PDB file of all heavy atoms in Angstrom:
ATOM      1  N   PRO A   1       7.191   3.026  -2.907  1.00  0.00           N
ATOM      2  CA  PRO A   1       5.614   2.965  -3.075  1.00  0.00           C
ATOM      3  C   PRO A   1       5.236   2.343  -4.339  1.00  0.00           C
ATOM      4  O   PRO A   1       4.250   1.541  -4.310  1.00  0.00           O
ATOM      5  CB  PRO A   1       5.275   4.380  -3.003  1.00  0.00           C
ATOM      6  CG  PRO A   1       6.418   5.058  -2.136  1.00  0.00           C
ATOM      7  CD  PRO A   1       7.667   4.406  -2.563  1.00  0.00           C
ATOM      8  N   LYS A   2       5.869   2.572  -5.471  1.00  0.00           N
ATOM      9  CA  LYS A   2       5.524   1.971  -6.711  1.00  0.00           C
ATOM     10  C   LYS A   2       5.657   0.434  -6.722  1.00  0.00           C
ATOM     11  O   LYS A   2       4.795  -0.248  -7.204  1.00  0.00           O
ATOM     12  CB  LYS A   2       6.254   2.557  -7.838  1.00  0.00           C
ATOM     13  CG  LYS A   2       6.006   4.003  -8.207  1.00  0.00           C
ATOM     14  CD  LYS A   2       6.806   4.469  -9.313  1.00  0.00           C
ATOM     15  CE  LYS A   2       6.461   5.896  -9.654  1.00  0.00           C
ATOM     16  NZ  LYS A   2       7.229   6.441 -10.821  1.00  0.00           N
ATOM     17  N   ALA A   3       6.680  -0.046  -6.010  1.00  0.00           N
ATOM     18  CA  ALA A   3       6.913  -1.538  -5.959  1.00  0.00           C
ATOM     19  C   ALA A   3       5.792  -2.098  -4.992  1.00  0.00           C
ATOM     20  O   ALA A   3       5.335  -3.180  -5.262  1.00  0.00           O
ATOM     21  CB  ALA A   3       8.316  -1.789  -5.439  1.00  0.00           C
ATOM     22  N   ILE A   4       5.528  -1.422  -3.903  1.00  0.00           N
ATOM     23  CA  ILE A   4       4.491  -1.935  -3.044  1.00  0.00           C
ATOM     24  C   ILE A   4       3.184  -1.962  -3.679  1.00  0.00           C
ATOM     25  O   ILE A   4       2.348  -3.018  -3.619  1.00  0.00           O
ATOM     26  CB  ILE A   4       4.428  -1.055  -1.768  1.00  0.00           C
ATOM     27  CG1 ILE A   4       5.780  -1.220  -0.983  1.00  0.00           C
ATOM     28  CG2 ILE A   4       3.165  -1.365  -0.935  1.00  0.00           C
ATOM     29  CD1 ILE A   4       5.811  -0.283   0.188  1.00  0.00           C
ATOM     30  N   ASP A   5       2.769  -0.922  -4.415  1.00  0.00           N
ATOM     31  CA  ASP A   5       1.418  -0.975  -5.132  1.00  0.00           C
ATOM     32  C   ASP A   5       1.399  -2.004  -6.319  1.00  0.00           C
ATOM     33  O   ASP A   5       0.361  -2.652  -6.431  1.00  0.00           O
ATOM     34  CB  ASP A   5       1.324   0.458  -5.802  1.00  0.00           C
ATOM     35  CG  ASP A   5       1.050   1.473  -4.593  1.00  0.00           C
ATOM     36  OD1 ASP A   5       1.016   1.074  -3.407  1.00  0.00           O
ATOM     37  OD2 ASP A   5       0.881   2.617  -4.933  1.00  0.00           O
ATOM     38  N   ASP A   6       2.485  -2.266  -6.930  1.00  0.00           N
ATOM     39  CA  ASP A   6       2.566  -3.180  -7.979  1.00  0.00           C
ATOM     40  C   ASP A   6       2.323  -4.547  -7.376  1.00  0.00           C
ATOM     41  O   ASP A   6       1.522  -5.385  -7.879  1.00  0.00           O
ATOM     42  CB  ASP A   6       3.881  -3.186  -8.674  1.00  0.00           C
ATOM     43  CG  ASP A   6       3.926  -4.284  -9.764  1.00  0.00           C
ATOM     44  OD1 ASP A   6       3.235  -4.275 -10.733  1.00  0.00           O
ATOM     45  OD2 ASP A   6       4.845  -5.163  -9.569  1.00  0.00           O
ATOM     46  N   LYS A   7       2.939  -4.769  -6.267  1.00  0.00           N
ATOM     47  CA  LYS A   7       2.830  -6.074  -5.569  1.00  0.00           C
ATOM     48  C   LYS A   7       1.409  -6.349  -4.975  1.00  0.00           C
ATOM     49  O   LYS A   7       0.768  -7.368  -5.171  1.00  0.00           O
ATOM     50  CB  LYS A   7       3.911  -6.220  -4.473  1.00  0.00           C
ATOM     51  CG  LYS A   7       3.847  -7.463  -3.770  1.00  0.00           C
ATOM     52  CD  LYS A   7       4.990  -7.523  -2.678  1.00  0.00           C
ATOM     53  CE  LYS A   7       4.913  -8.766  -1.831  1.00  0.00           C
ATOM     54  NZ  LYS A   7       6.049  -8.712  -0.717  1.00  0.00           N
ATOM     55  N   MET A   8       0.961  -5.301  -4.294  1.00  0.00           N
ATOM     56  CA  MET A   8      -0.272  -5.526  -3.457  1.00  0.00           C
ATOM     57  C   MET A   8      -1.572  -5.161  -4.168  1.00  0.00           C
ATOM     58  O   MET A   8      -2.710  -5.684  -3.773  1.00  0.00           O
ATOM     59  CB  MET A   8      -0.095  -4.759  -2.068  1.00  0.00           C
ATOM     60  CG  MET A   8       1.075  -5.175  -1.310  1.00  0.00           C
ATOM     61  SD  MET A   8       1.341  -4.216   0.295  1.00  0.00           S
ATOM     62  CE  MET A   8       0.073  -5.018   1.325  1.00  0.00           C
ATOM     63  N   LEU A   9      -1.411  -4.339  -5.079  1.00  0.00           N
ATOM     64  CA  LEU A   9      -2.676  -3.878  -5.785  1.00  0.00           C
ATOM     65  C   LEU A   9      -2.867  -4.606  -7.126  1.00  0.00           C
ATOM     66  O   LEU A   9      -3.925  -4.944  -7.529  1.00  0.00           O
ATOM     67  CB  LEU A   9      -2.719  -2.431  -6.009  1.00  0.00           C
ATOM     68  CG  LEU A   9      -2.727  -1.569  -4.753  1.00  0.00           C
ATOM     69  CD1 LEU A   9      -2.805  -0.003  -5.194  1.00  0.00           C
ATOM     70  CD2 LEU A   9      -3.840  -1.920  -3.767  1.00  0.00           C
ATOM     71  N   TYR A  10      -1.710  -4.713  -7.881  1.00  0.00           N
ATOM     72  CA  TYR A  10      -1.891  -5.230  -9.250  1.00  0.00           C
ATOM     73  C   TYR A  10      -1.532  -6.765  -9.409  1.00  0.00           C
ATOM     74  O   TYR A  10      -2.004  -7.313 -10.362  1.00  0.00           O
ATOM     75  CB  TYR A  10      -0.990  -4.411 -10.196  1.00  0.00           C
ATOM     76  CG  TYR A  10      -1.308  -2.883 -10.107  1.00  0.00           C
ATOM     77  CD1 TYR A  10      -0.137  -2.011  -9.942  1.00  0.00           C
ATOM     78  CD2 TYR A  10      -2.555  -2.400 -10.100  1.00  0.00           C
ATOM     79  CE1 TYR A  10      -0.458  -0.670  -9.865  1.00  0.00           C
ATOM     80  CE2 TYR A  10      -2.809  -1.085  -9.909  1.00  0.00           C
ATOM     81  CZ  TYR A  10      -1.728  -0.197  -9.840  1.00  0.00           C
ATOM     82  OH  TYR A  10      -1.985   1.128  -9.773  1.00  0.00           O
ATOM     83  N   ARG A  11      -0.700  -7.243  -8.449  1.00  0.00           N
ATOM     84  CA  ARG A  11      -0.296  -8.652  -8.569  1.00  0.00           C
ATOM     85  C   ARG A  11      -0.979  -9.476  -7.509  1.00  0.00           C
ATOM     86  O   ARG A  11      -0.714 -10.704  -7.345  1.00  0.00           O
ATOM     87  CB  ARG A  11       1.189  -8.866  -8.477  1.00  0.00           C
ATOM     88  CG  ARG A  11       1.847  -8.188  -9.675  1.00  0.00           C
ATOM     89  CD  ARG A  11       3.354  -8.670  -9.770  1.00  0.00           C
ATOM     90  NE  ARG A  11       4.165  -8.039  -8.779  1.00  0.00           N
ATOM     91  CZ  ARG A  11       4.787  -8.712  -7.864  1.00  0.00           C
ATOM     92  NH1 ARG A  11       4.775  -9.993  -7.704  1.00  0.00           N
ATOM     93  NH2 ARG A  11       5.579  -8.028  -7.023  1.00  0.00           N
ATOM     94  N   GLN A  12      -1.993  -8.978  -6.780  1.00  0.00           N
ATOM     95  CA  GLN A  12      -2.833  -9.717  -5.878  1.00  0.00           C
ATOM     96  C   GLN A  12      -2.004 -10.387  -4.728  1.00  0.00           C
ATOM     97  O   GLN A  12      -2.236 -11.570  -4.369  1.00  0.00           O
ATOM     98  CB  GLN A  12      -3.701 -10.767  -6.577  1.00  0.00           C
ATOM     99  CG  GLN A  12      -4.721 -10.230  -7.465  1.00  0.00           C
ATOM    100  CD  GLN A  12      -5.853  -9.441  -6.703  1.00  0.00           C
ATOM    101  OE1 GLN A  12      -5.959  -8.250  -6.898  1.00  0.00           O
ATOM    102  NE2 GLN A  12      -6.606 -10.173  -5.925  1.00  0.00           N
ATOM    103  N   ARG A  13      -0.966  -9.733  -4.265  1.00  0.00           N
ATOM    104  CA  ARG A  13      -0.150 -10.258  -3.209  1.00  0.00           C
ATOM    105  C   ARG A  13      -0.428  -9.538  -1.927  1.00  0.00           C
ATOM    106  O   ARG A  13      -1.132  -8.509  -1.906  1.00  0.00           O
ATOM    107  CB  ARG A  13       1.383 -10.098  -3.586  1.00  0.00           C
ATOM    108  CG  ARG A  13       1.790 -10.996  -4.656  1.00  0.00           C
ATOM    109  CD  ARG A  13       1.924 -12.449  -4.210  1.00  0.00           C
ATOM    110  NE  ARG A  13       2.764 -12.562  -2.948  1.00  0.00           N
ATOM    111  CZ  ARG A  13       4.125 -12.570  -3.017  1.00  0.00           C
ATOM    112  NH1 ARG A  13       4.792 -12.492  -4.124  1.00  0.00           N
ATOM    113  NH2 ARG A  13       4.773 -12.629  -1.890  1.00  0.00           N
ATOM    114  N   GLY A  14       0.101 -10.079  -0.784  1.00  0.00           N
ATOM    115  CA  GLY A  14      -0.043  -9.395   0.444  1.00  0.00           C
ATOM    116  C   GLY A  14       1.376  -8.759   0.769  1.00  0.00           C
ATOM    117  O   GLY A  14       2.105  -8.550  -0.167  1.00  0.00           O
ATOM    118  N   GLY A  15       1.586  -8.607   2.008  1.00  0.00           N
ATOM    119  CA  GLY A  15       2.880  -8.003   2.440  1.00  0.00           C
ATOM    120  C   GLY A  15       3.058  -8.085   3.952  1.00  0.00           C
ATOM    121  O   GLY A  15       2.104  -8.639   4.614  1.00  0.00           O
ATOM    122  N   TYR A  16       4.110  -7.530   4.462  1.00  0.00           N
ATOM    123  CA  TYR A  16       4.265  -7.549   5.886  1.00  0.00           C
ATOM    124  C   TYR A  16       4.177  -6.114   6.349  1.00  0.00           C
ATOM    125  O   TYR A  16       3.841  -5.260   5.524  1.00  0.00           O
ATOM    126  CB  TYR A  16       5.456  -8.250   6.508  1.00  0.00           C
ATOM    127  CG  TYR A  16       6.881  -7.916   6.042  1.00  0.00           C
ATOM    128  CD1 TYR A  16       7.141  -6.644   5.490  1.00  0.00           C
ATOM    129  CD2 TYR A  16       7.872  -8.718   6.408  1.00  0.00           C
ATOM    130  CE1 TYR A  16       8.461  -6.320   5.102  1.00  0.00           C
ATOM    131  CE2 TYR A  16       9.198  -8.396   6.104  1.00  0.00           C
ATOM    132  CZ  TYR A  16       9.475  -7.132   5.421  1.00  0.00           C
ATOM    133  OH  TYR A  16      10.807  -6.811   5.155  1.00  0.00           O
ATOM    134  N   CYS A  17       4.504  -5.753   7.593  1.00  0.00           N
ATOM    135  CA  CYS A  17       4.036  -4.519   8.185  1.00  0.00           C
ATOM    136  C   CYS A  17       4.496  -3.236   7.411  1.00  0.00           C
ATOM    137  O   CYS A  17       3.732  -2.374   7.249  1.00  0.00           O
ATOM    138  CB  CYS A  17       4.520  -4.422   9.635  1.00  0.00           C
ATOM    139  SG  CYS A  17       6.364  -4.355   9.844  1.00  0.00           S
ATOM    140  N   PHE A  18       5.657  -3.151   6.987  1.00  0.00           N
ATOM    141  CA  PHE A  18       6.250  -1.942   6.279  1.00  0.00           C
ATOM    142  C   PHE A  18       5.401  -1.767   4.976  1.00  0.00           C
ATOM    143  O   PHE A  18       5.136  -0.654   4.640  1.00  0.00           O
ATOM    144  CB  PHE A  18       7.723  -2.063   6.028  1.00  0.00           C
ATOM    145  CG  PHE A  18       8.484  -2.176   7.245  1.00  0.00           C
ATOM    146  CD1 PHE A  18       9.114  -3.321   7.635  1.00  0.00           C
ATOM    147  CD2 PHE A  18       8.592  -1.099   8.157  1.00  0.00           C
ATOM    148  CE1 PHE A  18       9.870  -3.404   8.759  1.00  0.00           C
ATOM    149  CE2 PHE A  18       9.270  -1.130   9.374  1.00  0.00           C
ATOM    150  CZ  PHE A  18       9.933  -2.321   9.649  1.00  0.00           C
ATOM    151  N   GLU A  19       5.128  -2.774   4.298  1.00  0.00           N
ATOM    152  CA  GLU A  19       4.297  -2.725   3.044  1.00  0.00           C
ATOM    153  C   GLU A  19       2.833  -2.342   3.296  1.00  0.00           C
ATOM    154  O   GLU A  19       2.397  -1.442   2.640  1.00  0.00           O
ATOM    155  CB  GLU A  19       4.454  -4.040   2.256  1.00  0.00           C
ATOM    156  CG  GLU A  19       5.871  -4.475   1.879  1.00  0.00           C
ATOM    157  CD  GLU A  19       5.904  -5.889   1.454  1.00  0.00           C
ATOM    158  OE1 GLU A  19       5.767  -6.766   2.303  1.00  0.00           O
ATOM    159  OE2 GLU A  19       6.240  -6.140   0.306  1.00  0.00           O
ATOM    160  N   HIS A  20       2.293  -2.991   4.232  1.00  0.00           N
ATOM    161  CA  HIS A  20       0.842  -2.643   4.601  1.00  0.00           C
ATOM    162  C   HIS A  20       0.747  -1.194   5.130  1.00  0.00           C
ATOM    163  O   HIS A  20      -0.193  -0.468   4.753  1.00  0.00           O
ATOM    164  CB  HIS A  20       0.348  -3.622   5.739  1.00  0.00           C
ATOM    165  CG  HIS A  20      -0.150  -4.891   5.196  1.00  0.00           C
ATOM    166  ND1 HIS A  20      -1.388  -5.073   4.677  1.00  0.00           N
ATOM    167  CD2 HIS A  20       0.403  -6.105   5.123  1.00  0.00           C
ATOM    168  CE1 HIS A  20      -1.525  -6.347   4.295  1.00  0.00           C
ATOM    169  NE2 HIS A  20      -0.425  -6.897   4.519  1.00  0.00           N
ATOM    170  N   THR A  21       1.645  -0.767   5.920  1.00  0.00           N
ATOM    171  CA  THR A  21       1.672   0.560   6.512  1.00  0.00           C
ATOM    172  C   THR A  21       1.792   1.653   5.443  1.00  0.00           C
ATOM    173  O   THR A  21       1.136   2.572   5.489  1.00  0.00           O
ATOM    174  CB  THR A  21       2.836   0.764   7.612  1.00  0.00           C
ATOM    175  OG1 THR A  21       2.502  -0.218   8.644  1.00  0.00           O
ATOM    176  CG2 THR A  21       2.855   2.138   8.099  1.00  0.00           C
ATOM    177  N   SER A  22       2.762   1.444   4.502  1.00  0.00           N
ATOM    178  CA  SER A  22       2.967   2.411   3.405  1.00  0.00           C
ATOM    179  C   SER A  22       1.760   2.570   2.585  1.00  0.00           C
ATOM    180  O   SER A  22       1.274   3.660   2.328  1.00  0.00           O
ATOM    181  CB  SER A  22       4.173   1.890   2.512  1.00  0.00           C
ATOM    182  OG  SER A  22       4.210   2.667   1.338  1.00  0.00           O
ATOM    183  N   LEU A  23       1.105   1.379   2.145  1.00  0.00           N
ATOM    184  CA  LEU A  23      -0.025   1.394   1.324  1.00  0.00           C
ATOM    185  C   LEU A  23      -1.191   2.125   2.099  1.00  0.00           C
ATOM    186  O   LEU A  23      -1.816   3.049   1.541  1.00  0.00           O
ATOM    187  CB  LEU A  23      -0.408   0.036   0.909  1.00  0.00           C
ATOM    188  CG  LEU A  23      -1.674  -0.137   0.146  1.00  0.00           C
ATOM    189  CD1 LEU A  23      -1.604   0.679  -1.164  1.00  0.00           C
ATOM    190  CD2 LEU A  23      -2.009  -1.667  -0.123  1.00  0.00           C
ATOM    191  N   LEU A  24      -1.463   1.719   3.323  1.00  0.00           N
ATOM    192  CA  LEU A  24      -2.595   2.271   4.002  1.00  0.00           C
ATOM    193  C   LEU A  24      -2.420   3.770   4.330  1.00  0.00           C
ATOM    194  O   LEU A  24      -3.364   4.558   4.276  1.00  0.00           O
ATOM    195  CB  LEU A  24      -2.892   1.485   5.331  1.00  0.00           C
ATOM    196  CG  LEU A  24      -4.238   1.870   6.020  1.00  0.00           C
ATOM    197  CD1 LEU A  24      -5.487   1.752   5.158  1.00  0.00           C
ATOM    198  CD2 LEU A  24      -4.371   1.085   7.243  1.00  0.00           C
ATOM    199  N   GLN A  25      -1.227   4.104   4.624  1.00  0.00           N
ATOM    200  CA  GLN A  25      -0.943   5.502   4.975  1.00  0.00           C
ATOM    201  C   GLN A  25      -1.256   6.340   3.751  1.00  0.00           C
ATOM    202  O   GLN A  25      -1.950   7.427   3.907  1.00  0.00           O
ATOM    203  CB  GLN A  25       0.483   5.768   5.386  1.00  0.00           C
ATOM    204  CG  GLN A  25       0.807   7.230   5.686  1.00  0.00           C
ATOM    205  CD  GLN A  25       2.324   7.385   6.050  1.00  0.00           C
ATOM    206  OE1 GLN A  25       3.151   6.533   5.847  1.00  0.00           O
ATOM    207  NE2 GLN A  25       2.628   8.526   6.668  1.00  0.00           N
ATOM    208  N   ARG A  26      -0.867   5.965   2.622  1.00  0.00           N
ATOM    209  CA  ARG A  26      -1.050   6.772   1.398  1.00  0.00           C
ATOM    210  C   ARG A  26      -2.529   6.829   1.060  1.00  0.00           C
ATOM    211  O   ARG A  26      -3.091   7.904   0.623  1.00  0.00           O
ATOM    212  CB  ARG A  26      -0.189   6.265   0.286  1.00  0.00           C
ATOM    213  CG  ARG A  26       1.234   6.581   0.529  1.00  0.00           C
ATOM    214  CD  ARG A  26       2.093   6.052  -0.593  1.00  0.00           C
ATOM    215  NE  ARG A  26       2.358   4.606  -0.470  1.00  0.00           N
ATOM    216  CZ  ARG A  26       1.971   3.746  -1.491  1.00  0.00           C
ATOM    217  NH1 ARG A  26       1.293   4.212  -2.622  1.00  0.00           N
ATOM    218  NH2 ARG A  26       2.246   2.515  -1.407  1.00  0.00           N
ATOM    219  N   VAL A  27      -3.258   5.696   1.283  1.00  0.00           N
ATOM    220  CA  VAL A  27      -4.713   5.657   1.079  1.00  0.00           C
ATOM    221  C   VAL A  27      -5.446   6.687   1.984  1.00  0.00           C
ATOM    222  O   VAL A  27      -6.221   7.442   1.471  1.00  0.00           O
ATOM    223  CB  VAL A  27      -5.234   4.219   1.224  1.00  0.00           C
ATOM    224  CG1 VAL A  27      -6.756   4.232   1.226  1.00  0.00           C
ATOM    225  CG2 VAL A  27      -4.848   3.376   0.083  1.00  0.00           C
ATOM    226  N   LEU A  28      -5.148   6.629   3.279  1.00  0.00           N
ATOM    227  CA  LEU A  28      -5.763   7.319   4.283  1.00  0.00           C
ATOM    228  C   LEU A  28      -5.497   8.846   3.963  1.00  0.00           C
ATOM    229  O   LEU A  28      -6.416   9.778   4.096  1.00  0.00           O
ATOM    230  CB  LEU A  28      -5.407   7.028   5.666  1.00  0.00           C
ATOM    231  CG  LEU A  28      -5.822   5.702   6.080  1.00  0.00           C
ATOM    232  CD1 LEU A  28      -5.295   5.264   7.405  1.00  0.00           C
ATOM    233  CD2 LEU A  28      -7.379   5.561   6.150  1.00  0.00           C
ATOM    234  N   GLN A  29      -4.206   9.236   3.699  1.00  0.00           N
ATOM    235  CA  GLN A  29      -3.957  10.637   3.355  1.00  0.00           C
ATOM    236  C   GLN A  29      -4.585  11.086   2.155  1.00  0.00           C
ATOM    237  O   GLN A  29      -5.075  12.267   2.053  1.00  0.00           O
ATOM    238  CB  GLN A  29      -2.389  10.809   3.220  1.00  0.00           C
ATOM    239  CG  GLN A  29      -1.658  10.646   4.615  1.00  0.00           C
ATOM    240  CD  GLN A  29      -0.172  10.657   4.453  1.00  0.00           C
ATOM    241  OE1 GLN A  29       0.341  10.169   3.449  1.00  0.00           O
ATOM    242  NE2 GLN A  29       0.528  11.149   5.421  1.00  0.00           N
ATOM    243  N   THR A  30      -4.804  10.251   1.114  1.00  0.00           N
ATOM    244  CA  THR A  30      -5.477  10.665  -0.011  1.00  0.00           C
ATOM    245  C   THR A  30      -6.912  10.941   0.190  1.00  0.00           C
ATOM    246  O   THR A  30      -7.568  11.866  -0.415  1.00  0.00           O
ATOM    247  CB  THR A  30      -5.426   9.524  -1.235  1.00  0.00           C
ATOM    248  OG1 THR A  30      -4.000   9.287  -1.458  1.00  0.00           O
ATOM    249  CG2 THR A  30      -6.155   9.868  -2.416  1.00  0.00           C
ATOM    250  N   LEU A  31      -7.503  10.250   1.197  1.00  0.00           N
ATOM    251  CA  LEU A  31      -8.827  10.431   1.558  1.00  0.00           C
ATOM    252  C   LEU A  31      -9.056  11.589   2.543  1.00  0.00           C
ATOM    253  O   LEU A  31     -10.197  11.927   3.006  1.00  0.00           O
ATOM    254  CB  LEU A  31      -9.442   9.211   2.235  1.00  0.00           C
ATOM    255  CG  LEU A  31      -9.668   8.003   1.311  1.00  0.00           C
ATOM    256  CD1 LEU A  31      -9.991   6.737   2.024  1.00  0.00           C
ATOM    257  CD2 LEU A  31     -10.650   8.292   0.211  1.00  0.00           C
ATOM    258  N   GLY A  32      -7.912  12.257   2.886  1.00  0.00           N
ATOM    259  CA  GLY A  32      -8.059  13.436   3.765  1.00  0.00           C
ATOM    260  C   GLY A  32      -7.752  13.231   5.245  1.00  0.00           C
ATOM    261  O   GLY A  32      -7.867  14.126   6.028  1.00  0.00           O
ATOM    262  N   PHE A  33      -7.330  11.977   5.632  1.00  0.00           N
ATOM    263  CA  PHE A  33      -6.994  11.749   7.093  1.00  0.00           C
ATOM    264  C   PHE A  33      -5.616  12.315   7.388  1.00  0.00           C
ATOM    265  O   PHE A  33      -4.669  12.357   6.484  1.00  0.00           O
ATOM    266  CB  PHE A  33      -6.988  10.290   7.341  1.00  0.00           C
ATOM    267  CG  PHE A  33      -8.394   9.628   7.342  1.00  0.00           C
ATOM    268  CD1 PHE A  33      -8.881   9.099   6.154  1.00  0.00           C
ATOM    269  CD2 PHE A  33      -9.104   9.644   8.500  1.00  0.00           C
ATOM    270  CE1 PHE A  33     -10.154   8.537   6.157  1.00  0.00           C
ATOM    271  CE2 PHE A  33     -10.391   8.998   8.476  1.00  0.00           C
ATOM    272  CZ  PHE A  33     -10.865   8.451   7.334  1.00  0.00           C
TER     273      PHE A  33
END
């Protein structure tokens, strides 16, 4: 997760399914989903 966040949040990169899914899952869970 730290590598994904560094890449997609701090280095303005994208990713493929496993990276997107990890990021979005953690965002949604943080918001209570």
